[in-house]
Amino acid sequence: MLKVTIDATPITLEQTGVGFYVLNLIDALFQLQSSEQFQLSIVYQPRFKKLVKG
């Protein structure tokens, strides 16, 4: 079984290009999950943004 993990950290209340793309990717993969043989995992690390920005 294929395992797919997506970092959802770019998704914020303000719609950005990357956040919008990740949100739509998660939605599309979630819909495919029942008909395809893969496991979808989502990781969200809000503190990572603070560490990168300083």
N, C-alpha and C. Protein backbone atom coordinates (compact mmCIF):
# COMPACT_ATOMS: atom_id res chain seq x y z
N MET A 1 0.85 -1.18 0.00
CA MET A 1 0.00 0.00 0.00
C MET A 1 0.89 1.24 0.00
N LEU A 2 0.56 2.19 -0.85
CA LEU A 2 1.27 3.45 -0.93
C LEU A 2 0.81 4.37 0.20
N LYS A 3 1.76 4.98 0.88
CA LYS A 3 1.44 5.92 1.96
C LYS A 3 1.81 7.33 1.50
N VAL A 4 0.85 8.25 1.58
CA VAL A 4 1.04 9.64 1.16
C VAL A 4 0.88 10.52 2.39
N THR A 5 1.91 11.34 2.67
CA THR A 5 1.85 12.28 3.78
C THR A 5 2.00 13.69 3.22
N ILE A 6 1.12 14.58 3.62
CA ILE A 6 1.14 15.96 3.15
C ILE A 6 1.31 16.89 4.34
N ASP A 7 2.22 17.85 4.19
CA ASP A 7 2.41 18.88 5.20
C ASP A 7 1.40 20.00 4.94
N ALA A 8 0.44 20.14 5.84
CA ALA A 8 -0.62 21.13 5.67
C ALA A 8 -0.29 22.46 6.34
N THR A 9 0.95 22.64 6.78
CA THR A 9 1.35 23.88 7.45
C THR A 9 1.09 25.13 6.61
N PRO A 10 1.25 25.10 5.27
CA PRO A 10 0.99 26.32 4.49
C PRO A 10 -0.47 26.78 4.47
N ILE A 11 -1.39 25.95 4.94
CA ILE A 11 -2.80 26.34 4.94
C ILE A 11 -3.04 27.30 6.10
N THR A 12 -3.47 28.50 5.77
CA THR A 12 -3.74 29.53 6.78
C THR A 12 -5.12 30.13 6.51
N LEU A 13 -5.55 31.01 7.41
CA LEU A 13 -6.83 31.68 7.20
C LEU A 13 -6.78 32.59 5.98
N GLU A 14 -5.61 33.18 5.74
CA GLU A 14 -5.40 33.99 4.55
C GLU A 14 -5.05 33.04 3.41
N GLN A 15 -5.82 33.04 2.35
CA GLN A 15 -5.57 32.11 1.25
C GLN A 15 -4.36 32.56 0.44
N THR A 16 -3.31 31.76 0.51
CA THR A 16 -2.11 32.01 -0.28
C THR A 16 -2.06 31.00 -1.41
N GLY A 17 -1.16 31.19 -2.36
CA GLY A 17 -1.05 30.27 -3.50
C GLY A 17 -0.73 28.85 -3.07
N VAL A 18 0.30 28.70 -2.23
CA VAL A 18 0.70 27.37 -1.79
C VAL A 18 -0.36 26.75 -0.89
N GLY A 19 -0.91 27.53 0.03
CA GLY A 19 -1.95 27.02 0.92
C GLY A 19 -3.18 26.57 0.16
N PHE A 20 -3.58 27.36 -0.85
CA PHE A 20 -4.74 27.01 -1.68
C PHE A 20 -4.48 25.72 -2.44
N TYR A 21 -3.26 25.56 -2.98
CA TYR A 21 -2.89 24.35 -3.71
C TYR A 21 -2.92 23.12 -2.80
N VAL A 22 -2.32 23.25 -1.61
CA VAL A 22 -2.28 22.13 -0.66
C VAL A 22 -3.68 21.73 -0.23
N LEU A 23 -4.53 22.72 0.04
CA LEU A 23 -5.91 22.44 0.45
C LEU A 23 -6.66 21.67 -0.64
N ASN A 24 -6.51 22.09 -1.89
CA ASN A 24 -7.18 21.39 -2.99
C ASN A 24 -6.58 20.01 -3.24
N LEU A 25 -5.27 19.87 -3.06
CA LEU A 25 -4.62 18.56 -3.20
C LEU A 25 -5.15 17.58 -2.16
N ILE A 26 -5.26 18.03 -0.91
CA ILE A 26 -5.79 17.18 0.16
C ILE A 26 -7.23 16.77 -0.15
N ASP A 27 -8.03 17.72 -0.61
CA ASP A 27 -9.43 17.43 -0.94
C ASP A 27 -9.52 16.38 -2.05
N ALA A 28 -8.73 16.56 -3.11
CA ALA A 28 -8.77 15.61 -4.23
C ALA A 28 -8.29 14.22 -3.81
N LEU A 29 -7.22 14.16 -3.02
CA LEU A 29 -6.72 12.85 -2.58
C LEU A 29 -7.69 12.18 -1.62
N PHE A 30 -8.34 12.98 -0.77
CA PHE A 30 -9.33 12.42 0.15
C PHE A 30 -10.47 11.76 -0.62
N GLN A 31 -10.91 12.39 -1.71
CA GLN A 31 -11.98 11.82 -2.53
C GLN A 31 -11.54 10.54 -3.24
N LEU A 32 -10.27 10.45 -3.61
CA LEU A 32 -9.75 9.26 -4.29
C LEU A 32 -9.46 8.11 -3.34
N GLN A 33 -9.30 8.42 -2.07
CA GLN A 33 -8.84 7.43 -1.09
C GLN A 33 -9.73 6.19 -1.04
N SER A 34 -11.01 6.32 -1.24
CA SER A 34 -11.89 5.16 -1.15
C SER A 34 -11.77 4.24 -2.36
N SER A 35 -11.37 4.78 -3.51
CA SER A 35 -11.29 3.94 -4.71
C SER A 35 -9.87 3.50 -5.05
N GLU A 36 -8.87 4.09 -4.46
CA GLU A 36 -7.48 3.75 -4.74
C GLU A 36 -6.84 3.09 -3.52
N GLN A 37 -5.71 2.46 -3.74
CA GLN A 37 -5.01 1.74 -2.66
C GLN A 37 -3.88 2.60 -2.10
N PHE A 38 -4.22 3.58 -1.29
CA PHE A 38 -3.21 4.38 -0.61
C PHE A 38 -3.76 4.91 0.70
N GLN A 39 -2.85 5.26 1.58
CA GLN A 39 -3.22 5.80 2.89
C GLN A 39 -2.80 7.26 2.92
N LEU A 40 -3.71 8.15 3.24
CA LEU A 40 -3.44 9.58 3.27
C LEU A 40 -3.25 10.03 4.72
N SER A 41 -2.12 10.69 4.98
CA SER A 41 -1.84 11.26 6.30
C SER A 41 -1.58 12.75 6.12
N ILE A 42 -2.02 13.53 7.08
CA ILE A 42 -1.83 14.97 7.02
C ILE A 42 -1.09 15.42 8.27
N VAL A 43 -0.04 16.22 8.07
CA VAL A 43 0.77 16.74 9.16
C VAL A 43 0.60 18.25 9.19
N TYR A 44 0.42 18.81 10.37
CA TYR A 44 0.31 20.26 10.53
C TYR A 44 1.25 20.69 11.64
N GLN A 45 2.18 21.59 11.32
CA GLN A 45 3.20 22.01 12.29
C GLN A 45 3.20 23.53 12.42
N PRO A 46 2.26 24.12 13.15
CA PRO A 46 2.18 25.58 13.22
C PRO A 46 3.41 26.24 13.84
N ARG A 47 4.09 25.54 14.74
CA ARG A 47 5.27 26.14 15.38
C ARG A 47 6.45 26.22 14.41
N PHE A 48 6.45 25.41 13.36
CA PHE A 48 7.53 25.42 12.39
C PHE A 48 7.67 26.79 11.72
N LYS A 49 6.54 27.42 11.43
CA LYS A 49 6.57 28.76 10.82
C LYS A 49 7.29 29.76 11.73
N LYS A 50 7.04 29.67 13.02
CA LYS A 50 7.67 30.60 13.97
C LYS A 50 9.18 30.37 14.02
N LEU A 51 9.61 29.10 13.95
CA LEU A 51 11.04 28.80 14.00
C LEU A 51 11.75 29.32 12.75
N VAL A 52 11.10 29.21 11.61
CA VAL A 52 11.71 29.65 10.36
C VAL A 52 11.80 31.17 10.30
N LYS A 53 10.73 31.86 10.75
CA LYS A 53 10.72 33.32 10.71
C LYS A 53 11.62 33.95 11.77
N GLY A 54 11.87 33.21 12.84
CA GLY A 54 12.76 33.70 13.88
C GLY A 54 12.12 34.35 15.01
